[in-house]
């Protein structure tokens, strides 16, 4: 008498599995299920190894999506990263210091950065690049040019503390303020900046780019030395001050364009 025939293995219902993964919010894993199963059979992977691969892909997909969304919400300009910064053109910049700042330990410690130097030396590029690193490390970031920040603060001048705390420029982990010093502030604007700096002191980090040295801040802040001292006292406590000196990137590009036409 012949032996009992082996029954074929039960068929896997991928559609049902994909639906369950989608209902659990694992949409990317659901998309990758079939190709990963095919690879697992081909490479003779154990079930738990295949599951690890699918979950790793889901986690990577979610992290990439988080970074994309956070960058869009931050207002950071695109294309300005540490990888695209030309350190050879600005040898005065300590690259190792910038790479240390890129670890974001200063944000965890609620410290500030003041990037000062003449126009065109790369202050904004470095500020944006450090902002990108902050997003990648999980911190909330807002990038604002000073004129936009002042306009927002004027609109919120009469806001209650509760409503003010909901504003992005108040509650993000890192607020980047670009182009301080090109135009003097009115006394109202200087007072609003003092209110912001005072509130964020010890609660969140700020990164400011400016073309003015510290001694010139009173003329920026409506000529009020007392107010300037109060703001700088809070900004510079536990801060990193980077004084960038060198040639202008924009002037270099103009020189290269002129040379190409010659």
Protein backbone atom coordinates (compact mmCIF):
# COMPACT_ATOMS: atom_id res chain seq x y z
CA UNK A 1 0.00 0.00 0.00
CA UNK A 2 1.50 3.31 -1.04
CA UNK A 3 2.24 5.90 1.62
CA UNK A 4 -0.09 8.83 2.17
CA UNK A 5 0.59 11.67 -0.20
CA UNK A 6 1.93 14.85 1.41
CA UNK A 7 -0.49 17.70 1.28
CA UNK A 8 0.92 20.88 -0.22
CA UNK A 9 1.81 23.66 2.19
CA UNK A 10 -1.03 26.06 2.90
CA UNK A 11 -1.15 28.95 0.49
CA UNK A 12 -0.19 32.31 1.99
CA UNK A 13 -2.88 34.90 1.47
CA UNK A 14 -0.71 37.96 0.80
CA UNK A 15 -3.69 40.22 0.21
CA UNK A 16 -5.02 39.53 3.70
CA UNK A 17 -1.56 40.05 5.24
CA UNK A 18 -1.07 43.30 3.34
CA UNK A 19 -4.46 44.52 4.52
CA UNK A 20 -3.57 43.78 8.16
CA UNK A 21 -0.23 45.58 7.80
CA UNK A 22 -2.00 48.60 6.28
CA UNK A 23 -4.60 48.65 9.06
CA UNK A 24 -1.73 48.67 11.57
CA UNK A 25 -0.29 51.74 9.82
CA UNK A 26 2.57 49.80 8.22
CA UNK A 27 1.81 50.89 4.67
CA UNK A 28 5.38 50.70 3.40
CA UNK A 29 5.84 47.24 4.90
CA UNK A 30 2.65 46.17 3.12
CA UNK A 31 4.11 47.35 -0.20
CA UNK A 32 7.39 45.54 0.41
CA UNK A 33 5.84 42.26 1.60
CA UNK A 34 5.74 40.41 -1.72
CA UNK A 35 9.24 41.33 -3.00
CA UNK A 36 10.74 40.59 0.42
CA UNK A 37 9.02 37.18 0.54
CA UNK A 38 10.39 36.41 -2.92
CA UNK A 39 13.89 37.39 -1.79
CA UNK A 40 13.54 35.37 1.41
CA UNK A 41 12.69 32.21 -0.55
CA UNK A 42 15.51 32.83 -3.01
CA UNK A 43 18.12 33.54 -0.32
CA UNK A 44 16.70 30.96 2.12
CA UNK A 45 16.25 33.54 4.86
CA UNK A 46 14.76 32.53 8.16
CA UNK A 47 11.29 33.98 8.91
CA UNK A 48 12.57 36.29 11.67
CA UNK A 49 15.33 37.64 9.39
CA UNK A 50 12.80 38.43 6.70
CA UNK A 51 10.59 40.14 9.29
CA UNK A 52 13.57 42.21 10.48
CA UNK A 53 14.20 43.40 6.92
CA UNK A 54 10.60 44.45 6.40
CA UNK A 55 10.49 46.30 9.73
CA UNK A 56 13.84 48.00 9.02
CA UNK A 57 12.50 49.26 5.70
CA UNK A 58 9.35 50.54 7.39
CA UNK A 59 11.42 52.40 10.00
CA UNK A 60 13.72 53.89 7.34
CA UNK A 61 10.74 54.99 5.28
CA UNK A 62 9.12 56.67 8.29
CA UNK A 63 12.34 58.44 9.26
CA UNK A 64 12.86 59.76 5.72
CA UNK A 65 9.25 60.97 5.66
CA UNK A 66 9.66 62.64 9.07
CA UNK A 67 12.78 64.49 7.90
CA UNK A 68 11.14 65.60 4.64
CA UNK A 69 8.10 66.93 6.49
CA UNK A 70 10.14 68.62 9.23
CA UNK A 71 12.40 70.32 6.67
CA UNK A 72 9.38 71.64 4.79
CA UNK A 73 7.79 72.97 8.00
CA UNK A 74 11.06 74.53 9.21
CA UNK A 75 11.31 77.05 6.38
CA UNK A 76 14.97 76.14 5.85
CA UNK A 77 16.25 76.98 2.35
CA UNK A 78 17.13 73.89 0.31
CA UNK A 79 20.52 72.82 -0.98
CA UNK A 80 22.65 74.29 1.82
CA UNK A 81 24.26 71.45 3.74
CA UNK A 82 27.62 70.85 5.41
CA UNK A 83 28.49 68.57 2.50
CA UNK A 84 28.08 71.42 0.04
CA UNK A 85 29.98 74.01 2.12
CA UNK A 86 33.41 74.90 0.73
CA UNK A 87 35.64 74.88 3.82
CA UNK A 88 38.75 75.30 1.66
CA UNK A 89 37.56 78.76 0.60
CA UNK A 90 37.17 79.86 4.25
CA UNK A 91 40.21 78.41 6.06
CA UNK A 92 39.49 80.64 9.06
CA UNK A 93 36.50 78.42 9.89
CA UNK A 94 37.42 75.57 12.23
CA UNK A 95 35.89 72.59 10.43
CA UNK A 96 36.22 70.33 13.48
CA UNK A 97 34.26 72.86 15.56
CA UNK A 98 31.46 72.92 12.97
CA UNK A 99 31.40 69.11 12.88
CA UNK A 100 31.16 69.06 16.68
CA UNK A 101 28.25 71.52 16.55
CA UNK A 102 26.63 69.25 13.95
CA UNK A 103 26.18 66.61 16.69
CA UNK A 104 23.57 68.98 18.18
CA UNK A 105 24.82 68.62 21.76
CA UNK A 106 24.47 72.41 22.08
CA UNK A 107 20.75 72.16 21.33
CA UNK A 108 20.28 69.46 23.95
CA UNK A 109 21.99 71.82 26.41
CA UNK A 110 19.79 74.78 25.34
CA UNK A 111 22.82 76.80 24.20
CA UNK A 112 22.98 79.43 21.46
CA UNK A 113 25.22 80.16 18.47
CA UNK A 114 26.16 83.61 17.19
CA UNK A 115 27.61 83.59 13.66
CA UNK A 116 29.08 87.00 12.91
CA UNK A 117 31.02 88.30 9.94
CA UNK A 118 30.76 90.45 6.80
CA UNK A 119 28.24 89.65 4.05
CA UNK A 120 28.92 86.72 1.74
CA UNK A 121 31.27 84.66 3.93
CA UNK A 122 28.87 81.73 4.37
CA UNK A 123 27.07 82.54 7.61
CA UNK A 124 23.61 81.70 6.29
CA UNK A 125 24.86 78.51 4.61
CA UNK A 126 26.37 77.27 7.88
CA UNK A 127 23.25 78.26 9.84
CA UNK A 128 20.99 76.37 7.43
CA UNK A 129 23.33 73.36 7.39
CA UNK A 130 23.28 73.16 11.20
CA UNK A 131 19.50 73.51 11.06
CA UNK A 132 19.31 70.52 8.70
CA UNK A 133 21.45 68.51 11.12
CA UNK A 134 19.11 69.49 13.94
CA UNK A 135 16.11 68.20 11.97
CA UNK A 136 17.93 64.96 11.19
CA UNK A 137 18.60 64.57 14.93
CA UNK A 138 14.92 64.92 15.77
CA UNK A 139 14.72 68.59 16.85
CA UNK A 140 12.04 71.03 15.75
CA UNK A 141 13.47 73.97 13.81
CA UNK A 142 12.23 77.32 12.48
CA UNK A 143 14.28 79.45 10.08
CA UNK A 144 13.27 83.11 9.83
CA UNK A 145 14.88 86.21 8.41
CA UNK A 146 14.85 89.00 10.94
CA UNK A 147 12.34 91.14 9.02
CA UNK A 148 9.87 88.21 8.92
CA UNK A 149 10.36 87.49 12.61
CA UNK A 150 9.84 91.13 13.55
CA UNK A 151 6.64 91.24 11.47
CA UNK A 152 5.36 88.12 13.25
CA UNK A 153 6.24 89.53 16.67
CA UNK A 154 4.51 92.84 15.90
CA UNK A 155 1.34 90.91 15.02
CA UNK A 156 1.62 89.06 18.33
CA UNK A 157 2.57 92.10 20.41
CA UNK A 158 -0.68 91.98 22.41
CA UNK A 159 -0.97 88.17 22.49
CA UNK A 160 -1.44 86.51 25.85
CA UNK A 161 1.42 84.35 27.19
CA UNK A 162 -0.65 81.22 26.56
CA UNK A 163 -1.27 82.10 22.91
CA UNK A 164 2.30 83.28 22.44
CA UNK A 165 3.70 79.94 23.62
CA UNK A 166 1.91 78.25 20.71
CA UNK A 167 3.84 80.29 18.14
CA UNK A 168 6.48 78.32 16.26
CA UNK A 169 9.18 80.92 16.81
CA UNK A 170 8.63 80.57 20.54
CA UNK A 171 8.27 76.83 21.03
CA UNK A 172 10.68 75.17 18.55
CA UNK A 173 13.84 73.57 19.89
CA UNK A 174 15.98 75.69 17.54
CA UNK A 175 15.11 79.13 16.21
CA UNK A 176 17.42 80.41 13.46
CA UNK A 177 17.33 84.19 12.92
CA UNK A 178 19.09 85.31 9.76
CA UNK A 179 20.42 88.75 8.76
CA UNK A 180 20.45 90.64 12.06
CA UNK A 181 22.09 94.04 11.74
CA UNK A 182 21.33 95.19 8.21
CA UNK A 183 18.67 97.61 9.42
CA UNK A 184 18.29 99.18 12.89
CA UNK A 185 15.21 98.18 14.85
CA UNK A 186 12.63 100.49 16.33
CA UNK A 187 12.36 100.54 20.11
CA UNK A 188 9.17 98.46 19.92
CA UNK A 189 10.93 95.83 17.80
CA UNK A 190 13.93 95.78 20.14
CA UNK A 191 11.60 95.27 23.12
CA UNK A 192 9.79 92.45 21.32
CA UNK A 193 13.14 90.78 20.57
CA UNK A 194 14.04 91.11 24.25
CA UNK A 195 10.75 89.44 25.19
CA UNK A 196 11.49 86.55 22.81
CA UNK A 197 15.09 86.09 23.95
CA UNK A 198 14.02 86.22 27.59
CA UNK A 199 11.31 83.60 27.09
CA UNK A 200 13.56 81.22 25.15
CA UNK A 201 16.46 81.62 27.59
CA UNK A 202 17.03 78.20 29.13
CA UNK A 203 14.07 76.73 27.20
CA UNK A 204 15.36 76.50 23.62
CA UNK A 205 18.33 77.29 21.42
CA UNK A 206 18.83 80.18 19.04
CA UNK A 207 21.23 80.56 16.13
CA UNK A 208 21.71 84.12 14.92
CA UNK A 209 23.64 85.34 11.88
CA UNK A 210 24.77 88.95 11.91
CA UNK A 211 27.10 91.31 10.10
CA UNK A 212 27.66 93.28 13.31
CA UNK A 213 30.19 92.69 16.05
CA UNK A 214 28.94 92.42 19.62
CA UNK A 215 30.03 95.98 20.44
CA UNK A 216 27.84 97.31 17.59
CA UNK A 217 24.60 95.73 18.80
CA UNK A 218 23.33 98.86 20.64
CA UNK A 219 23.05 100.73 17.32
CA UNK A 220 21.00 97.81 15.93
CA UNK A 221 18.71 97.78 18.96
CA UNK A 222 17.32 101.32 18.64
CA UNK A 223 20.49 102.79 20.18
CA UNK A 224 19.49 101.43 23.61
CA UNK A 225 22.64 100.20 25.37
CA UNK A 226 20.74 98.93 28.42
CA UNK A 227 18.41 96.83 26.27
CA UNK A 228 21.32 95.59 24.15
CA UNK A 229 23.20 94.54 27.29
CA UNK A 230 20.15 92.68 28.60
CA UNK A 231 19.65 90.82 25.31
CA UNK A 232 23.32 89.97 24.84
CA UNK A 233 23.61 88.83 28.46
CA UNK A 234 21.01 86.13 27.77
CA UNK A 235 22.16 85.30 24.25
CA UNK A 236 25.85 84.95 25.07
CA UNK A 237 25.46 82.99 28.30
CA UNK A 238 26.47 79.41 27.47
CA UNK A 239 26.86 80.25 23.80
CA UNK A 240 29.24 79.63 20.90
CA UNK A 241 30.43 82.77 19.09
CA UNK A 242 31.93 82.18 15.65
CA UNK A 243 33.60 85.16 14.02
CA UNK A 244 33.93 84.40 10.30
CA UNK A 245 36.48 86.43 8.38
CA UNK A 246 37.30 85.87 4.75
CA UNK A 247 36.35 86.52 1.18
CA UNK A 248 32.80 86.64 -0.12
CA UNK A 249 31.50 83.54 -1.91
CA UNK A 250 29.33 85.75 -4.08
CA UNK A 251 32.31 87.88 -5.12
CA UNK A 252 34.22 84.71 -5.99
CA UNK A 253 31.38 83.57 -8.22
CA UNK A 254 31.31 86.97 -9.96
CA UNK A 255 35.08 86.80 -10.50
CA UNK A 256 34.80 83.29 -11.94
CA UNK A 257 31.98 84.36 -14.26
CA UNK A 258 34.01 87.37 -15.43
CA UNK A 259 37.05 85.20 -16.03
CA UNK A 260 34.96 82.74 -18.07
CA UNK A 261 33.71 85.58 -20.30
CA UNK A 262 37.22 86.98 -20.85
